[in-house]
C-alpha atoms as a PDB file:
ATOM      1  CA  MET A   1      16.173 -12.611   0.194  1.00  0.00           C
ATOM      2  CA  PHE A   2      16.401 -10.914  -3.222  1.00  0.00           C
ATOM      3  CA  GLN A   3      17.751 -13.824  -5.075  1.00  0.00           C
ATOM      4  CA  ASN A   4      14.708 -16.082  -3.892  1.00  0.00           C
ATOM      5  CA  ILE A   5      11.761 -13.464  -3.824  1.00  0.00           C
ATOM      6  CA  GLY A   6       9.680 -16.397  -5.032  1.00  0.00           C
ATOM      7  CA  LYS A   7      10.135 -18.168  -2.085  1.00  0.00           C
ATOM      8  CA  TYR A   8       8.371 -15.797   0.157  1.00  0.00           C
ATOM      9  CA  LEU A   9       5.779 -14.009  -2.572  1.00  0.00           C
ATOM     10  CA  GLU A  10       3.322 -14.954  -4.599  1.00  0.00           C
ATOM     11  CA  THR A  11       2.653 -12.544  -7.089  1.00  0.00           C
ATOM     12  CA  ARG A  12      -0.753 -12.764  -8.564  1.00  0.00           C
ATOM     13  CA  GLU A  13      -0.315  -9.784 -10.815  1.00  0.00           C
ATOM     14  CA  ASN A  14       2.633  -7.665 -11.901  1.00  0.00           C
ATOM     15  CA  HIS A  15       2.128  -5.787 -15.499  1.00  0.00           C
ATOM     16  CA  PRO A  16       4.079  -3.536 -16.700  1.00  0.00           C
ATOM     17  CA  ASP A  17       1.841   0.259 -17.973  1.00  0.00           C
ATOM     18  CA  PHE A  18       4.899   2.052 -19.227  1.00  0.00           C
ATOM     19  CA  LEU A  19       8.002   0.590 -21.713  1.00  0.00           C
ATOM     20  CA  LEU A  20      11.025   3.195 -22.988  1.00  0.00           C
ATOM     21  CA  ILE A  21      13.620   1.163 -25.022  1.00  0.00           C
ATOM     22  CA  ASP A  22      16.856   3.074 -25.679  1.00  0.00           C
ATOM     23  CA  GLY A  23      19.396   1.158 -27.430  1.00  0.00           C
ATOM     24  CA  SER A  24      20.060  -1.894 -25.546  1.00  0.00           C
ATOM     25  CA  ARG A  25      18.269  -0.731 -22.192  1.00  0.00           C
ATOM     26  CA  VAL A  26      14.674  -1.321 -21.760  1.00  0.00           C
ATOM     27  CA  VAL A  27      12.723   0.314 -18.189  1.00  0.00           C
ATOM     28  CA  ALA A  28       9.062  -0.961 -17.353  1.00  0.00           C
ATOM     29  CA  ARG A  29       7.030   0.830 -14.810  1.00  0.00           C
ATOM     30  CA  GLY A  30       3.705  -1.276 -13.429  1.00  0.00           C
ATOM     31  CA  MET A  31       2.388  -2.485 -10.850  1.00  0.00           C
ATOM     32  CA  ILE A  32       2.608  -5.336  -8.586  1.00  0.00           C
ATOM     33  CA  ASP A  33      -0.099  -6.957  -6.333  1.00  0.00           C
ATOM     34  CA  ALA A  34       1.294  -9.855  -4.298  1.00  0.00           C
ATOM     35  CA  THR A  35       1.320 -11.953  -1.011  1.00  0.00           C
ATOM     36  CA  ALA A  36       3.601 -12.916   1.353  1.00  0.00           C
ATOM     37  CA  ARG A  37       3.286 -16.253   1.741  1.00  0.00           C
ATOM     38  CA  GLU A  38       3.800 -16.525   5.408  1.00  0.00           C
ATOM     39  CA  THR A  39       1.930 -13.993   6.781  1.00  0.00           C
ATOM     40  CA  GLY A  40      -0.752 -13.972   3.831  1.00  0.00           C
ATOM     41  CA  ARG A  41      -0.719 -10.331   3.845  1.00  0.00           C
ATOM     42  CA  ASN A  42      -1.413  -8.663   0.591  1.00  0.00           C
ATOM     43  CA  PHE A  43       0.313  -5.862  -0.649  1.00  0.00           C
ATOM     44  CA  GLU A  44       0.194  -3.269  -4.188  1.00  0.00           C
ATOM     45  CA  THR A  45       2.794  -1.474  -4.837  1.00  0.00           C
ATOM     46  CA  ALA A  46       4.626   0.448  -8.035  1.00  0.00           C
ATOM     47  CA  PHE A  47       7.686  -0.919  -9.627  1.00  0.00           C
ATOM     48  CA  VAL A  48      10.186   0.239 -12.141  1.00  0.00           C
ATOM     49  CA  ASP A  49      12.664  -2.779 -13.963  1.00  0.00           C
ATOM     50  CA  ILE A  50      15.967  -1.741 -15.669  1.00  0.00           C
ATOM     51  CA  PHE A  51      16.873  -4.250 -17.944  1.00  0.00           C
ATOM     52  CA  ASP A  52      20.367  -3.804 -20.121  1.00  0.00           C
ATOM     53  CA  PHE A  53      20.754  -6.335 -22.967  1.00  0.00           C
ATOM     54  CA  ARG A  54      24.164  -7.703 -24.697  1.00  0.00           C
ATOM     55  CA  GLU A  55      23.700 -10.056 -27.704  1.00  0.00           C
ATOM     56  CA  GLY A  56      20.225 -10.661 -27.063  1.00  0.00           C
ATOM     57  CA  LYS A  57      20.804 -11.704 -23.496  1.00  0.00           C
ATOM     58  CA  ILE A  58      20.092  -9.921 -20.230  1.00  0.00           C
ATOM     59  CA  VAL A  59      22.855  -8.548 -19.001  1.00  0.00           C
ATOM     60  CA  GLN A  60      22.267  -6.604 -16.445  1.00  0.00           C
ATOM     61  CA  TYR A  61      18.895  -6.229 -14.035  1.00  0.00           C
ATOM     62  CA  GLU A  62      17.584  -3.981 -11.394  1.00  0.00           C
ATOM     63  CA  ARG A  63      14.135  -3.680 -10.033  1.00  0.00           C
ATOM     64  CA  LEU A  64      13.221  -0.316  -7.655  1.00  0.00           C
ATOM     65  CA  ILE A  65       9.882  -0.856  -5.840  1.00  0.00           C
ATOM     66  CA  ASN A  66       8.808   0.280  -2.543  1.00  0.00           C
ATOM     67  CA  THR A  67      10.251  -2.149   0.054  1.00  0.00           C
ATOM     68  CA  HIS A  68       8.473  -0.364   3.121  1.00  0.00           C
ATOM     69  CA  VAL A  69       5.248  -1.951   1.891  1.00  0.00           C
ATOM     70  CA  MET A  70       6.765  -5.168   0.693  1.00  0.00           C
ATOM     71  CA  PHE A  71       8.461  -5.789   4.393  1.00  0.00           C
ATOM     72  CA  LYS A  72       5.258  -4.697   6.147  1.00  0.00           C
ATOM     73  CA  ALA A  73       3.668  -7.668   4.456  1.00  0.00           C
ATOM     74  CA  LEU A  74       6.467  -9.956   5.144  1.00  0.00           C
ATOM     75  CA  TYR A  75       6.866  -9.101   8.443  1.00  0.00           C
ATOM     76  CA  ASP A  76       4.428  -8.261  11.890  1.00  0.00           C
ATOM     77  CA  GLN A  77       4.704  -5.416  13.744  1.00  0.00           C
ATOM     78  CA  THR A  78       7.772  -5.630  15.327  1.00  0.00           C
ATOM     79  CA  GLY A  79       9.760  -5.894  12.287  1.00  0.00           C
ATOM     80  CA  SER A  80      10.423  -9.783  13.622  1.00  0.00           C
ATOM     81  CA  ALA A  81       9.576 -12.522  10.808  1.00  0.00           C
ATOM     82  CA  GLU A  82       6.392 -14.164  12.502  1.00  0.00           C
END
């Protein structure tokens, strides 16, 4: 699912409010405001992105996010897809 997240979510805002650069690693913290395409439910939650660079290219990317908030928007109360 996470490889095709744009298929499931429409992101309205995704902006970092903090950046930390340490050599070839960049850490960004911010907020994401999105809507689940299937349910039309909105959600907002914090995120942390971690980027590792080599020769000017991203070689590793990791996003930490409150998946509970995101999945509540994606699925109905029973946990099944609508």
